[in-house]
Amino acid sequence: MGSIIVNSTPNWAEEPHLCHNNLDVLAGYVNDEILNTVVDQVYNPHEAERAIAHVISEKRIGSTIITFR
């Protein structure tokens, strides 16, 4: 099953519900296991500066997590 997510600029004056609708669609994809998250890197709190550098770099491919466990 293929899915297309369109990147568009919402018109908040005319379509205030646009963001809510997109989030509902994305949540449905996650719940139906069509869309999965990709964890790119996991850092400890003492590595916060390194984590931020990774987030703003072009090397990131998914979510960057700072774990407090």
Protein backbone atom coordinates (compact mmCIF):
# COMPACT_ATOMS: atom_id res chain seq x y z
CA MET A 1 0.00 0.00 0.00
CA GLY A 2 1.48 3.33 -1.01
CA SER A 3 0.91 6.60 0.80
CA ILE A 4 1.62 10.16 -0.21
CA ILE A 5 2.07 12.99 2.25
CA VAL A 6 1.97 16.38 0.58
CA ASN A 7 4.14 19.19 1.88
CA SER A 8 2.05 22.32 1.57
CA THR A 9 1.77 25.63 3.36
CA PRO A 10 -1.55 25.83 5.22
CA ASN A 11 -3.81 28.83 4.90
CA TRP A 12 -4.67 29.32 8.58
CA ALA A 13 -7.38 31.90 7.87
CA GLU A 14 -9.35 29.59 5.58
CA GLU A 15 -8.34 26.11 6.78
CA PRO A 16 -7.63 26.13 10.53
CA HIS A 17 -8.40 22.40 10.72
CA LEU A 18 -5.72 21.39 8.17
CA CYS A 19 -3.03 20.58 10.74
CA HIS A 20 -5.48 18.59 12.88
CA ASN A 21 -6.61 16.55 9.88
CA ASN A 22 -3.03 15.77 8.83
CA LEU A 23 -2.17 14.66 12.36
CA ASP A 24 -5.23 12.39 12.43
CA VAL A 25 -4.15 10.80 9.13
CA LEU A 26 -0.58 10.34 10.35
CA ALA A 27 -1.79 8.88 13.65
CA GLY A 28 -3.90 6.41 11.69
CA TYR A 29 -0.85 5.37 9.65
CA VAL A 30 1.13 4.80 12.85
CA ASN A 31 -1.72 2.88 14.51
CA ASP A 32 -2.14 0.70 11.41
CA GLU A 33 1.65 0.12 11.34
CA ILE A 34 1.88 1.64 7.85
CA LEU A 35 4.21 4.37 9.09
CA ASN A 36 7.02 3.60 11.53
CA THR A 37 9.44 5.88 13.28
CA VAL A 38 13.15 5.62 12.59
CA VAL A 39 15.45 6.15 15.57
CA ASP A 40 18.70 7.54 14.22
CA GLN A 41 20.71 8.23 17.38
CA VAL A 42 20.24 7.93 21.15
CA TYR A 43 22.19 10.17 23.52
CA ASN A 44 22.53 10.55 27.30
CA PRO A 45 21.85 13.94 28.93
CA HIS A 46 25.57 14.71 29.27
CA GLU A 47 25.80 14.40 25.46
CA ALA A 48 23.14 17.07 24.81
CA GLU A 49 25.44 19.34 22.81
CA ARG A 50 26.48 16.42 20.61
CA ALA A 51 22.82 15.47 20.16
CA ILE A 52 21.89 19.00 19.08
CA ALA A 53 24.81 19.06 16.64
CA HIS A 54 23.52 15.81 15.16
CA VAL A 55 19.95 17.15 14.85
CA ILE A 56 21.09 20.16 12.84
CA SER A 57 23.54 18.19 10.71
CA GLU A 58 22.77 16.78 7.28
CA LYS A 59 23.73 13.29 8.54
CA ARG A 60 20.49 12.73 10.45
CA ILE A 61 18.03 10.25 9.00
CA GLY A 62 15.42 9.88 11.72
CA SER A 63 14.58 10.79 15.28
CA THR A 64 17.29 11.79 17.73
CA ILE A 65 16.52 10.82 21.33
CA ILE A 66 17.99 11.99 24.63
CA THR A 67 17.26 9.29 27.18
CA PHE A 68 17.10 9.87 30.93
CA ARG A 69 17.21 6.24 32.03
